[in-house]
Amino acid sequence: MDRLEKLCSEQNGYITSSKLLKNNYTKYQIRQFVKEGILERVGRGQYVHQGYLVDEFLIYQDLNKNFIYSNETALYLLNLTDRYPLSFSVTTKHKQHLRNHKLKVYYVKDENYDLGVTTVKDLSGNDIKVYNSERTICDIIKNKNKIDTQIYVQGIQNYFLNHKPNLRQLAQYAKKLNMSKKVMEIVELYMKP
């Protein structure tokens, strides 16, 4: 049991069946751990140890390696909004298939997929792949009609008024994403002297 707890603690309670099998646990033992309540099955081949909270951000990220948290979800992870997302917004490349219908999926050209990717710690202390603040601001401006108005306004205001905006990087991303005019209109609105 100590070995199991140590393995689970490496990712704040989260573990996969493949990791358990690599560490010489059998499928029968895994089923027994679930039956005894030591592990909770949270997805196909995904488990959380009884002493930890379920980290949905990590679970979805582990299940779908081909996405990056974006838009409303990125605003939350970057502390630009306090509203926990009802469904997770993610961005992936065109023609990628994601394995969960509970995700709000945005598609981008392959060359823009990695633009602004960073890693943040979520509330459980796990590393989560997300777009940085500047990319997220570009994304929510682009997708304004698909985003809750209150979250949109709160995200924009927090970025410009309570955050140190990187206007150079914002302009670079806006140019690369072909939305310089829309982004500059917002910048002018918030950065008036």
N, C-alpha and C. Protein backbone atom coordinates (compact mmCIF):
# COMPACT_ATOMS: atom_id res chain seq x y z
N MET A 1 0.82 -1.20 0.00
CA MET A 1 0.00 0.00 0.00
C MET A 1 0.86 1.26 0.00
N ASP A 2 1.96 1.24 0.73
CA ASP A 2 2.85 2.41 0.75
C ASP A 2 3.37 2.71 -0.64
N ARG A 3 3.69 1.65 -1.40
CA ARG A 3 4.20 1.82 -2.75
C ARG A 3 3.12 2.43 -3.65
N LEU A 4 1.88 1.98 -3.49
CA LEU A 4 0.76 2.51 -4.26
C LEU A 4 0.55 3.99 -3.93
N GLU A 5 0.56 4.33 -2.66
CA GLU A 5 0.37 5.73 -2.25
C GLU A 5 1.48 6.60 -2.80
N LYS A 6 2.70 6.09 -2.80
CA LYS A 6 3.83 6.86 -3.32
C LYS A 6 3.66 7.10 -4.83
N LEU A 7 3.26 6.06 -5.56
CA LEU A 7 3.04 6.21 -6.99
C LEU A 7 1.94 7.25 -7.27
N CYS A 8 0.87 7.18 -6.51
CA CYS A 8 -0.25 8.11 -6.71
C CYS A 8 0.14 9.54 -6.33
N SER A 9 0.97 9.67 -5.31
CA SER A 9 1.34 11.02 -4.85
C SER A 9 2.19 11.76 -5.87
N GLU A 10 2.84 11.05 -6.78
CA GLU A 10 3.68 11.70 -7.78
C GLU A 10 2.89 12.64 -8.68
N GLN A 11 1.58 12.36 -8.86
CA GLN A 11 0.73 13.24 -9.66
C GLN A 11 -0.49 13.65 -8.86
N ASN A 12 -0.28 13.97 -7.61
CA ASN A 12 -1.34 14.46 -6.73
C ASN A 12 -2.57 13.56 -6.71
N GLY A 13 -2.31 12.25 -6.62
CA GLY A 13 -3.39 11.28 -6.46
C GLY A 13 -3.85 10.63 -7.74
N TYR A 14 -3.43 11.13 -8.87
CA TYR A 14 -3.88 10.61 -10.17
C TYR A 14 -2.92 9.53 -10.66
N ILE A 15 -3.48 8.46 -11.22
CA ILE A 15 -2.64 7.40 -11.78
C ILE A 15 -3.41 6.68 -12.88
N THR A 16 -2.68 6.14 -13.82
CA THR A 16 -3.30 5.39 -14.92
C THR A 16 -3.05 3.91 -14.75
N SER A 17 -3.88 3.11 -15.39
CA SER A 17 -3.70 1.66 -15.32
C SER A 17 -2.37 1.26 -15.96
N SER A 18 -1.95 1.95 -17.01
CA SER A 18 -0.68 1.59 -17.65
C SER A 18 0.49 1.81 -16.70
N LYS A 19 0.44 2.88 -15.89
CA LYS A 19 1.51 3.12 -14.92
C LYS A 19 1.49 2.06 -13.83
N LEU A 20 0.29 1.67 -13.40
CA LEU A 20 0.18 0.61 -12.39
C LEU A 20 0.72 -0.70 -12.93
N LEU A 21 0.38 -1.04 -14.17
CA LEU A 21 0.86 -2.28 -14.78
C LEU A 21 2.39 -2.27 -14.94
N LYS A 22 2.94 -1.10 -15.31
CA LYS A 22 4.40 -0.98 -15.44
C LYS A 22 5.10 -1.16 -14.10
N ASN A 23 4.37 -0.88 -13.01
CA ASN A 23 4.94 -1.03 -11.67
C ASN A 23 4.53 -2.35 -11.02
N ASN A 24 4.26 -3.34 -11.87
CA ASN A 24 4.02 -4.72 -11.47
C ASN A 24 2.73 -4.97 -10.69
N TYR A 25 1.74 -4.13 -10.86
CA TYR A 25 0.42 -4.43 -10.33
C TYR A 25 -0.35 -5.16 -11.43
N THR A 26 -1.22 -6.06 -11.03
CA THR A 26 -2.01 -6.80 -12.01
C THR A 26 -3.37 -6.13 -12.21
N LYS A 27 -4.04 -6.50 -13.29
CA LYS A 27 -5.38 -5.98 -13.53
C LYS A 27 -6.31 -6.39 -12.39
N TYR A 28 -6.11 -7.60 -11.89
CA TYR A 28 -6.93 -8.06 -10.77
C TYR A 28 -6.73 -7.16 -9.54
N GLN A 29 -5.48 -6.81 -9.25
CA GLN A 29 -5.19 -5.94 -8.10
C GLN A 29 -5.83 -4.56 -8.29
N ILE A 30 -5.78 -4.06 -9.49
CA ILE A 30 -6.38 -2.75 -9.77
C ILE A 30 -7.88 -2.81 -9.51
N ARG A 31 -8.54 -3.86 -9.99
CA ARG A 31 -9.98 -4.02 -9.74
C ARG A 31 -10.26 -4.10 -8.25
N GLN A 32 -9.39 -4.78 -7.51
CA GLN A 32 -9.56 -4.91 -6.05
C GLN A 32 -9.41 -3.55 -5.36
N PHE A 33 -8.45 -2.75 -5.81
CA PHE A 33 -8.27 -1.42 -5.24
C PHE A 33 -9.53 -0.58 -5.44
N VAL A 34 -10.16 -0.72 -6.61
CA VAL A 34 -11.39 0.02 -6.90
C VAL A 34 -12.52 -0.51 -6.02
N LYS A 35 -12.62 -1.83 -5.94
CA LYS A 35 -13.68 -2.47 -5.15
C LYS A 35 -13.58 -2.08 -3.67
N GLU A 36 -12.36 -1.97 -3.16
CA GLU A 36 -12.13 -1.62 -1.75
C GLU A 36 -12.19 -0.11 -1.49
N GLY A 37 -12.32 0.67 -2.56
CA GLY A 37 -12.42 2.11 -2.39
C GLY A 37 -11.08 2.82 -2.25
N ILE A 38 -10.00 2.11 -2.48
CA ILE A 38 -8.67 2.73 -2.40
C ILE A 38 -8.43 3.61 -3.62
N LEU A 39 -8.90 3.14 -4.78
CA LEU A 39 -8.83 3.92 -6.00
C LEU A 39 -10.25 4.15 -6.51
N GLU A 40 -10.46 5.33 -7.10
CA GLU A 40 -11.73 5.63 -7.75
C GLU A 40 -11.48 5.70 -9.25
N ARG A 41 -12.25 4.95 -10.02
CA ARG A 41 -12.13 4.99 -11.47
C ARG A 41 -12.81 6.27 -11.96
N VAL A 42 -12.05 7.12 -12.65
CA VAL A 42 -12.59 8.40 -13.12
C VAL A 42 -12.66 8.48 -14.64
N GLY A 43 -12.17 7.46 -15.30
CA GLY A 43 -12.18 7.41 -16.76
C GLY A 43 -11.58 6.09 -17.18
N ARG A 44 -11.59 5.84 -18.45
CA ARG A 44 -11.03 4.59 -18.97
C ARG A 44 -9.54 4.55 -18.67
N GLY A 45 -9.14 3.63 -17.77
CA GLY A 45 -7.74 3.49 -17.40
C GLY A 45 -7.22 4.61 -16.53
N GLN A 46 -8.11 5.39 -15.92
CA GLN A 46 -7.72 6.53 -15.10
C GLN A 46 -8.30 6.38 -13.70
N TYR A 47 -7.45 6.63 -12.70
CA TYR A 47 -7.86 6.45 -11.31
C TYR A 47 -7.35 7.59 -10.45
N VAL A 48 -8.07 7.82 -9.34
CA VAL A 48 -7.65 8.79 -8.34
C VAL A 48 -7.63 8.07 -7.00
N HIS A 49 -6.55 8.26 -6.25
CA HIS A 49 -6.42 7.66 -4.93
C HIS A 49 -7.43 8.28 -3.97
N GLN A 50 -7.91 7.49 -3.03
CA GLN A 50 -8.99 7.92 -2.12
C GLN A 50 -8.67 9.19 -1.32
N GLY A 51 -7.42 9.49 -1.10
CA GLY A 51 -7.07 10.66 -0.30
C GLY A 51 -6.96 11.94 -1.08
N TYR A 52 -7.33 11.92 -2.36
CA TYR A 52 -7.16 13.09 -3.22
C TYR A 52 -8.48 13.46 -3.89
N LEU A 53 -8.57 14.73 -4.30
CA LEU A 53 -9.72 15.19 -5.07
C LEU A 53 -9.53 14.87 -6.54
N VAL A 54 -10.62 14.68 -7.23
CA VAL A 54 -10.57 14.43 -8.67
C VAL A 54 -10.19 15.74 -9.37
N ASP A 55 -9.16 15.70 -10.21
CA ASP A 55 -8.69 16.87 -10.95
C ASP A 55 -9.14 16.72 -12.41
N GLU A 56 -10.27 17.34 -12.74
CA GLU A 56 -10.83 17.20 -14.08
C GLU A 56 -9.89 17.74 -15.16
N PHE A 57 -9.19 18.82 -14.86
CA PHE A 57 -8.27 19.39 -15.86
C PHE A 57 -7.22 18.35 -16.27
N LEU A 58 -6.65 17.69 -15.29
CA LEU A 58 -5.61 16.69 -15.56
C LEU A 58 -6.20 15.46 -16.25
N ILE A 59 -7.37 15.04 -15.84
CA ILE A 59 -8.00 13.85 -16.43
C ILE A 59 -8.25 14.06 -17.92
N TYR A 60 -8.88 15.19 -18.27
CA TYR A 60 -9.14 15.46 -19.69
C TYR A 60 -7.85 15.61 -20.48
N GLN A 61 -6.87 16.29 -19.88
CA GLN A 61 -5.60 16.50 -20.57
C GLN A 61 -4.89 15.18 -20.80
N ASP A 62 -4.94 14.28 -19.83
CA ASP A 62 -4.29 12.98 -19.97
C ASP A 62 -5.00 12.11 -21.01
N LEU A 63 -6.30 12.23 -21.08
CA LEU A 63 -7.09 11.44 -22.03
C LEU A 63 -6.91 11.94 -23.45
N ASN A 64 -6.72 13.23 -23.61
CA ASN A 64 -6.59 13.85 -24.94
C ASN A 64 -5.28 14.64 -25.03
N LYS A 65 -4.26 14.02 -25.53
CA LYS A 65 -2.94 14.67 -25.62
C LYS A 65 -2.89 15.75 -26.69
N ASN A 66 -3.90 15.80 -27.57
CA ASN A 66 -3.85 16.69 -28.72
C ASN A 66 -4.64 17.97 -28.55
N PHE A 67 -4.72 18.50 -27.35
CA PHE A 67 -5.39 19.78 -27.18
C PHE A 67 -4.67 20.64 -26.15
N ILE A 68 -5.06 21.92 -26.18
CA ILE A 68 -4.55 22.91 -25.24
C ILE A 68 -5.77 23.64 -24.68
N TYR A 69 -5.81 23.83 -23.36
CA TYR A 69 -6.91 24.57 -22.77
C TYR A 69 -6.88 26.00 -23.29
N SER A 70 -8.07 26.51 -23.66
CA SER A 70 -8.14 27.83 -24.30
C SER A 70 -9.42 28.56 -23.90
N ASN A 71 -9.58 29.75 -24.45
CA ASN A 71 -10.77 30.58 -24.30
C ASN A 71 -11.21 30.70 -22.84
N GLU A 72 -12.49 30.37 -22.51
CA GLU A 72 -13.00 30.56 -21.15
C GLU A 72 -12.21 29.77 -20.12
N THR A 73 -11.81 28.55 -20.47
CA THR A 73 -11.07 27.71 -19.54
C THR A 73 -9.69 28.29 -19.27
N ALA A 74 -9.06 28.82 -20.30
CA ALA A 74 -7.75 29.47 -20.12
C ALA A 74 -7.89 30.70 -19.24
N LEU A 75 -8.97 31.47 -19.44
CA LEU A 75 -9.19 32.64 -18.57
C LEU A 75 -9.23 32.22 -17.11
N TYR A 76 -9.90 31.12 -16.83
CA TYR A 76 -10.00 30.63 -15.45
C TYR A 76 -8.63 30.17 -14.94
N LEU A 77 -7.93 29.37 -15.72
CA LEU A 77 -6.63 28.85 -15.29
C LEU A 77 -5.58 29.95 -15.13
N LEU A 78 -5.75 31.04 -15.86
CA LEU A 78 -4.81 32.17 -15.79
C LEU A 78 -5.26 33.24 -14.77
N ASN A 79 -6.31 32.94 -14.03
CA ASN A 79 -6.87 33.87 -13.03
C ASN A 79 -7.36 35.17 -13.63
N LEU A 80 -7.88 35.10 -14.84
CA LEU A 80 -8.47 36.28 -15.47
C LEU A 80 -9.98 36.29 -15.33
N THR A 81 -10.54 35.21 -14.82
CA THR A 81 -11.95 35.15 -14.44
C THR A 81 -12.06 34.22 -13.25
N ASP A 82 -13.10 34.44 -12.45
CA ASP A 82 -13.29 33.58 -11.28
C ASP A 82 -14.38 32.53 -11.51
N ARG A 83 -14.92 32.49 -12.71
CA ARG A 83 -15.99 31.55 -13.02
C ARG A 83 -15.42 30.22 -13.50
N TYR A 84 -15.67 29.18 -12.70
CA TYR A 84 -15.24 27.83 -13.07
C TYR A 84 -16.01 27.41 -14.32
N PRO A 85 -15.32 26.90 -15.34
CA PRO A 85 -16.02 26.57 -16.60
C PRO A 85 -17.00 25.40 -16.44
N LEU A 86 -18.18 25.57 -17.03
CA LEU A 86 -19.18 24.50 -17.02
C LEU A 86 -18.77 23.36 -17.95
N SER A 87 -18.19 23.73 -19.08
CA SER A 87 -17.57 22.75 -19.97
C SER A 87 -16.20 23.31 -20.32
N PHE A 88 -15.25 22.44 -20.55
CA PHE A 88 -13.89 22.90 -20.79
C PHE A 88 -13.69 23.25 -22.26
N SER A 89 -13.17 24.46 -22.49
CA SER A 89 -12.84 24.90 -23.84
C SER A 89 -11.41 24.50 -24.15
N VAL A 90 -11.25 23.89 -25.31
CA VAL A 90 -9.93 23.42 -25.74
C VAL A 90 -9.73 23.76 -27.20
N THR A 91 -8.48 23.85 -27.60
CA THR A 91 -8.14 24.09 -28.99
C THR A 91 -7.27 22.95 -29.48
N THR A 92 -7.54 22.53 -30.70
CA THR A 92 -6.77 21.46 -31.33
C THR A 92 -6.57 21.80 -32.80
N LYS A 93 -5.75 21.02 -33.47
CA LYS A 93 -5.50 21.22 -34.90
C LYS A 93 -6.70 20.72 -35.71
N HIS A 94 -6.87 21.31 -36.90
CA HIS A 94 -7.90 20.81 -37.81
C HIS A 94 -7.68 19.32 -38.03
N LYS A 95 -8.74 18.59 -38.20
CA LYS A 95 -8.74 17.15 -38.50
C LYS A 95 -8.30 16.29 -37.34
N GLN A 96 -8.19 16.85 -36.13
CA GLN A 96 -7.89 16.05 -34.94
C GLN A 96 -9.20 15.56 -34.35
N HIS A 97 -9.18 14.35 -33.84
CA HIS A 97 -10.37 13.81 -33.18
C HIS A 97 -10.13 13.78 -31.68
N LEU A 98 -11.04 14.38 -30.91
CA LEU A 98 -10.92 14.37 -29.45
C LEU A 98 -11.90 13.34 -28.89
N ARG A 99 -11.49 12.69 -27.80
CA ARG A 99 -12.23 11.55 -27.28
C ARG A 99 -13.24 11.90 -26.19
N ASN A 100 -13.74 13.11 -26.14
CA ASN A 100 -14.73 13.44 -25.12
C ASN A 100 -15.71 14.46 -25.66
N HIS A 101 -16.98 14.13 -25.59
CA HIS A 101 -18.01 15.02 -26.12
C HIS A 101 -18.35 16.15 -25.16
N LYS A 102 -17.79 16.15 -23.95
CA LYS A 102 -18.07 17.20 -22.97
C LYS A 102 -17.17 18.42 -23.15
N LEU A 103 -16.31 18.38 -24.14
CA LEU A 103 -15.39 19.49 -24.38
C LEU A 103 -15.96 20.44 -25.43
N LYS A 104 -15.73 21.72 -25.23
CA LYS A 104 -16.08 22.73 -26.23
C LYS A 104 -14.82 22.93 -27.08
N VAL A 105 -14.85 22.46 -28.31
CA VAL A 105 -13.64 22.36 -29.12
C VAL A 105 -13.56 23.49 -30.15
N TYR A 106 -12.38 24.12 -30.20
CA TYR A 106 -12.06 25.12 -31.22
C TYR A 106 -10.94 24.54 -32.07
N TYR A 107 -10.98 24.81 -33.37
CA TYR A 107 -9.98 24.28 -34.29
C TYR A 107 -9.15 25.42 -34.86
N VAL A 108 -7.83 25.18 -35.03
CA VAL A 108 -6.93 26.17 -35.61
C VAL A 108 -6.03 25.51 -36.64
N LYS A 109 -5.44 26.34 -37.48
CA LYS A 109 -4.45 25.85 -38.44
C LYS A 109 -3.26 25.29 -37.68
N ASP A 110 -2.63 24.31 -38.25
CA ASP A 110 -1.49 23.65 -37.61
C ASP A 110 -0.41 24.64 -37.19
N GLU A 111 -0.13 25.65 -38.02
CA GLU A 111 0.95 26.58 -37.72
C GLU A 111 0.64 27.50 -36.54
N ASN A 112 -0.63 27.60 -36.17
CA ASN A 112 -1.00 28.46 -35.03
C ASN A 112 -1.27 27.67 -33.75
N TYR A 113 -1.20 26.36 -33.84
CA TYR A 113 -1.54 25.52 -32.69
C TYR A 113 -0.64 25.78 -31.48
N ASP A 114 0.66 25.85 -31.67
CA ASP A 114 1.61 26.01 -30.56
C ASP A 114 1.86 27.46 -30.16
N LEU A 115 1.24 28.39 -30.83
CA LEU A 115 1.46 29.81 -30.56
C LEU A 115 0.96 30.18 -29.16
N GLY A 116 1.87 30.53 -28.27
CA GLY A 116 1.50 30.98 -26.93
C GLY A 116 1.23 29.89 -25.91
N VAL A 117 1.69 28.68 -26.17
CA VAL A 117 1.46 27.58 -25.22
C VAL A 117 2.35 27.77 -24.00
N THR A 118 1.77 27.56 -22.83
CA THR A 118 2.50 27.62 -21.57
C THR A 118 1.95 26.54 -20.65
N THR A 119 2.53 26.43 -19.49
CA THR A 119 2.06 25.48 -18.49
C THR A 119 1.79 26.23 -17.20
N VAL A 120 0.65 25.93 -16.57
CA VAL A 120 0.32 26.51 -15.28
C VAL A 120 -0.02 25.39 -14.31
N LYS A 121 0.06 25.70 -13.03
CA LYS A 121 -0.37 24.75 -12.00
C LYS A 121 -1.85 25.00 -11.72
N ASP A 122 -2.64 23.94 -11.72
CA ASP A 122 -4.04 24.12 -11.36
C ASP A 122 -4.19 24.05 -9.85
N LEU A 123 -5.42 24.11 -9.35
CA LEU A 123 -5.65 24.13 -7.90
C LEU A 123 -5.14 22.88 -7.20
N SER A 124 -5.04 21.77 -7.94
CA SER A 124 -4.52 20.53 -7.36
C SER A 124 -3.00 20.45 -7.43
N GLY A 125 -2.37 21.43 -8.05
CA GLY A 125 -0.91 21.45 -8.15
C GLY A 125 -0.36 20.70 -9.35
N ASN A 126 -1.22 20.32 -10.28
CA ASN A 126 -0.77 19.60 -11.47
C ASN A 126 -0.46 20.57 -12.60
N ASP A 127 0.49 20.19 -13.45
CA ASP A 127 0.87 21.00 -14.60
C ASP A 127 -0.18 20.84 -15.70
N ILE A 128 -0.73 21.95 -16.13
CA ILE A 128 -1.78 21.96 -17.14
C ILE A 128 -1.33 22.80 -18.32
N LYS A 129 -1.49 22.27 -19.53
CA LYS A 129 -1.10 22.96 -20.76
C LYS A 129 -2.22 23.91 -21.17
N VAL A 130 -1.87 25.20 -21.32
CA VAL A 130 -2.85 26.25 -21.58
C VAL A 130 -2.19 27.32 -22.44
N TYR A 131 -3.01 28.09 -23.15
CA TYR A 131 -2.47 29.24 -23.87
C TYR A 131 -2.20 30.36 -22.88
N ASN A 132 -1.16 31.16 -23.15
CA ASN A 132 -0.83 32.28 -22.26
C ASN A 132 -1.87 33.39 -22.38
N SER A 133 -1.73 34.40 -21.56
CA SER A 133 -2.73 35.47 -21.48
C SER A 133 -2.94 36.18 -22.82
N GLU A 134 -1.86 36.48 -23.52
CA GLU A 134 -1.98 37.23 -24.77
C GLU A 134 -2.69 36.40 -25.85
N ARG A 135 -2.35 35.14 -25.96
CA ARG A 135 -3.04 34.28 -26.94
C ARG A 135 -4.51 34.14 -26.54
N THR A 136 -4.77 33.99 -25.25
CA THR A 136 -6.14 33.82 -24.78
C THR A 136 -6.98 35.06 -25.08
N ILE A 137 -6.41 36.25 -24.90
CA ILE A 137 -7.14 37.49 -25.22
C ILE A 137 -7.48 37.52 -26.71
N CYS A 138 -6.53 37.15 -27.55
CA CYS A 138 -6.81 37.08 -29.00
C CYS A 138 -7.94 36.09 -29.28
N ASP A 139 -7.87 34.94 -28.65
CA ASP A 139 -8.88 33.90 -28.88
C ASP A 139 -10.28 34.33 -28.45
N ILE A 140 -10.39 34.96 -27.28
CA ILE A 140 -11.73 35.34 -26.84
C ILE A 140 -12.30 36.50 -27.66
N ILE A 141 -11.43 37.36 -28.16
CA ILE A 141 -11.90 38.43 -29.04
C ILE A 141 -12.42 37.80 -30.35
N LYS A 142 -11.67 36.84 -30.86
CA LYS A 142 -12.07 36.15 -32.09
C LYS A 142 -13.39 35.39 -31.90
N ASN A 143 -13.55 34.76 -30.75
CA ASN A 143 -14.71 33.90 -30.49
C ASN A 143 -15.76 34.58 -29.61
N LYS A 144 -15.79 35.89 -29.61
CA LYS A 144 -16.67 36.66 -28.71
C LYS A 144 -18.12 36.17 -28.73
N ASN A 145 -18.64 35.84 -29.89
CA ASN A 145 -20.04 35.43 -30.00
C ASN A 145 -20.32 34.03 -29.43
N LYS A 146 -19.28 33.28 -29.14
CA LYS A 146 -19.44 31.93 -28.59
C LYS A 146 -19.17 31.87 -27.09
N ILE A 147 -18.86 33.03 -26.51
CA ILE A 147 -18.46 33.08 -25.10
C ILE A 147 -19.47 33.89 -24.31
N ASP A 148 -19.75 33.45 -23.10
CA ASP A 148 -20.64 34.18 -22.20
C ASP A 148 -20.13 35.62 -22.05
N THR A 149 -21.03 36.58 -22.21
CA THR A 149 -20.66 38.01 -22.19
C THR A 149 -19.97 38.41 -20.89
N GLN A 150 -20.48 37.93 -19.77
CA GLN A 150 -19.90 38.30 -18.47
C GLN A 150 -18.45 37.79 -18.35
N ILE A 151 -18.21 36.57 -18.80
CA ILE A 151 -16.86 36.01 -18.75
C ILE A 151 -15.94 36.78 -19.70
N TYR A 152 -16.45 37.11 -20.89
CA TYR A 152 -15.67 37.86 -21.87
C TYR A 152 -15.23 39.21 -21.29
N VAL A 153 -16.19 39.95 -20.76
CA VAL A 153 -15.89 41.29 -20.22
C VAL A 153 -14.93 41.19 -19.03
N GLN A 154 -15.19 40.25 -18.12
CA GLN A 154 -14.33 40.09 -16.96
C GLN A 154 -12.90 39.73 -17.38
N GLY A 155 -12.76 38.85 -18.37
CA GLY A 155 -11.43 38.46 -18.85
C GLY A 155 -10.66 39.62 -19.46
N ILE A 156 -11.34 40.39 -20.31
CA ILE A 156 -10.70 41.55 -20.96
C ILE A 156 -10.31 42.58 -19.89
N GLN A 157 -11.23 42.91 -19.00
CA GLN A 157 -10.95 43.91 -17.97
C GLN A 157 -9.82 43.47 -17.06
N ASN A 158 -9.83 42.24 -16.62
CA ASN A 158 -8.76 41.76 -15.74
C ASN A 158 -7.41 41.77 -16.44
N TYR A 159 -7.40 41.44 -17.72
CA TYR A 159 -6.13 41.45 -18.45
C TYR A 159 -5.55 42.87 -18.52
N PHE A 160 -6.37 43.84 -18.90
CA PHE A 160 -5.87 45.19 -19.09
C PHE A 160 -5.75 46.00 -17.81
N LEU A 161 -6.62 45.76 -16.85
CA LEU A 161 -6.64 46.60 -15.65
C LEU A 161 -5.95 45.99 -14.44
N ASN A 162 -5.94 44.67 -14.31
CA ASN A 162 -5.37 44.02 -13.12
C ASN A 162 -4.19 43.11 -13.42
N HIS A 163 -3.69 43.20 -14.60
CA HIS A 163 -2.64 42.31 -15.07
C HIS A 163 -1.65 43.21 -15.82
N LYS A 164 -0.44 42.81 -15.92
CA LYS A 164 0.51 43.62 -16.68
C LYS A 164 0.48 43.15 -18.14
N PRO A 165 -0.25 43.87 -19.00
CA PRO A 165 -0.38 43.41 -20.39
C PRO A 165 0.94 43.53 -21.15
N ASN A 166 1.22 42.52 -21.96
CA ASN A 166 2.39 42.52 -22.83
C ASN A 166 1.89 42.90 -24.22
N LEU A 167 1.84 44.20 -24.49
CA LEU A 167 1.23 44.69 -25.72
C LEU A 167 2.01 44.29 -26.97
N ARG A 168 3.31 44.19 -26.84
CA ARG A 168 4.12 43.77 -27.99
C ARG A 168 3.76 42.34 -28.39
N GLN A 169 3.70 41.45 -27.41
CA GLN A 169 3.36 40.06 -27.71
C GLN A 169 1.91 39.94 -28.19
N LEU A 170 1.02 40.71 -27.59
CA LEU A 170 -0.38 40.72 -28.01
C LEU A 170 -0.49 41.13 -29.49
N ALA A 171 0.24 42.15 -29.88
CA ALA A 171 0.23 42.62 -31.28
C ALA A 171 0.81 41.56 -32.22
N GLN A 172 1.87 40.90 -31.79
CA GLN A 172 2.47 39.83 -32.61
C GLN A 172 1.49 38.69 -32.84
N TYR A 173 0.84 38.26 -31.76
CA TYR A 173 -0.14 37.17 -31.88
C TYR A 173 -1.32 37.59 -32.75
N ALA A 174 -1.80 38.82 -32.55
CA ALA A 174 -2.93 39.31 -33.33
C ALA A 174 -2.59 39.31 -34.82
N LYS A 175 -1.39 39.72 -35.15
CA LYS A 175 -0.96 39.73 -36.56
C LYS A 175 -0.90 38.32 -37.11
N LYS A 176 -0.31 37.42 -36.35
CA LYS A 176 -0.18 36.02 -36.80
C LYS A 176 -1.56 35.37 -36.98
N LEU A 177 -2.53 35.75 -36.15
CA LEU A 177 -3.87 35.16 -36.20
C LEU A 177 -4.83 35.96 -37.10
N ASN A 178 -4.29 36.95 -37.83
CA ASN A 178 -5.06 37.78 -38.76
C ASN A 178 -6.24 38.49 -38.09
N MET A 179 -5.96 39.10 -36.95
CA MET A 179 -7.02 39.82 -36.27
C MET A 179 -6.51 41.09 -35.59
N SER A 180 -5.52 41.70 -36.21
CA SER A 180 -4.89 42.90 -35.65
C SER A 180 -5.90 44.02 -35.41
N LYS A 181 -6.79 44.26 -36.37
CA LYS A 181 -7.72 45.38 -36.25
C LYS A 181 -8.63 45.20 -35.03
N LYS A 182 -9.23 44.03 -34.86
CA LYS A 182 -10.13 43.78 -33.73
C LYS A 182 -9.40 43.92 -32.39
N VAL A 183 -8.20 43.38 -32.31
CA VAL A 183 -7.45 43.43 -31.07
C VAL A 183 -7.03 44.86 -30.76
N MET A 184 -6.59 45.61 -31.78
CA MET A 184 -6.16 46.98 -31.55
C MET A 184 -7.31 47.88 -31.11
N GLU A 185 -8.53 47.59 -31.57
CA GLU A 185 -9.70 48.34 -31.11
C GLU A 185 -9.89 48.17 -29.60
N ILE A 186 -9.71 46.96 -29.11
CA ILE A 186 -9.84 46.68 -27.68
C ILE A 186 -8.69 47.34 -26.91
N VAL A 187 -7.49 47.25 -27.45
CA VAL A 187 -6.32 47.86 -26.80
C VAL A 187 -6.54 49.37 -26.66
N GLU A 188 -6.99 50.01 -27.72
CA GLU A 188 -7.22 51.46 -27.67
C GLU A 188 -8.28 51.82 -26.64
N LEU A 189 -9.29 50.99 -26.51
CA LEU A 189 -10.36 51.24 -25.55
C LEU A 189 -9.84 51.21 -24.11
N TYR A 190 -8.95 50.26 -23.81
CA TYR A 190 -8.48 50.08 -22.43
C TYR A 190 -7.19 50.82 -22.11
N MET A 191 -6.43 51.19 -23.13
CA MET A 191 -5.12 51.79 -22.86
C MET A 191 -5.11 53.30 -23.12
N LYS A 192 -6.29 53.94 -23.13
CA LYS A 192 -6.32 55.39 -23.28
C LYS A 192 -5.64 56.05 -22.09
N PRO A 193 -4.90 57.16 -22.33
CA PRO A 193 -4.20 57.82 -21.21
C PRO A 193 -5.17 58.47 -20.23
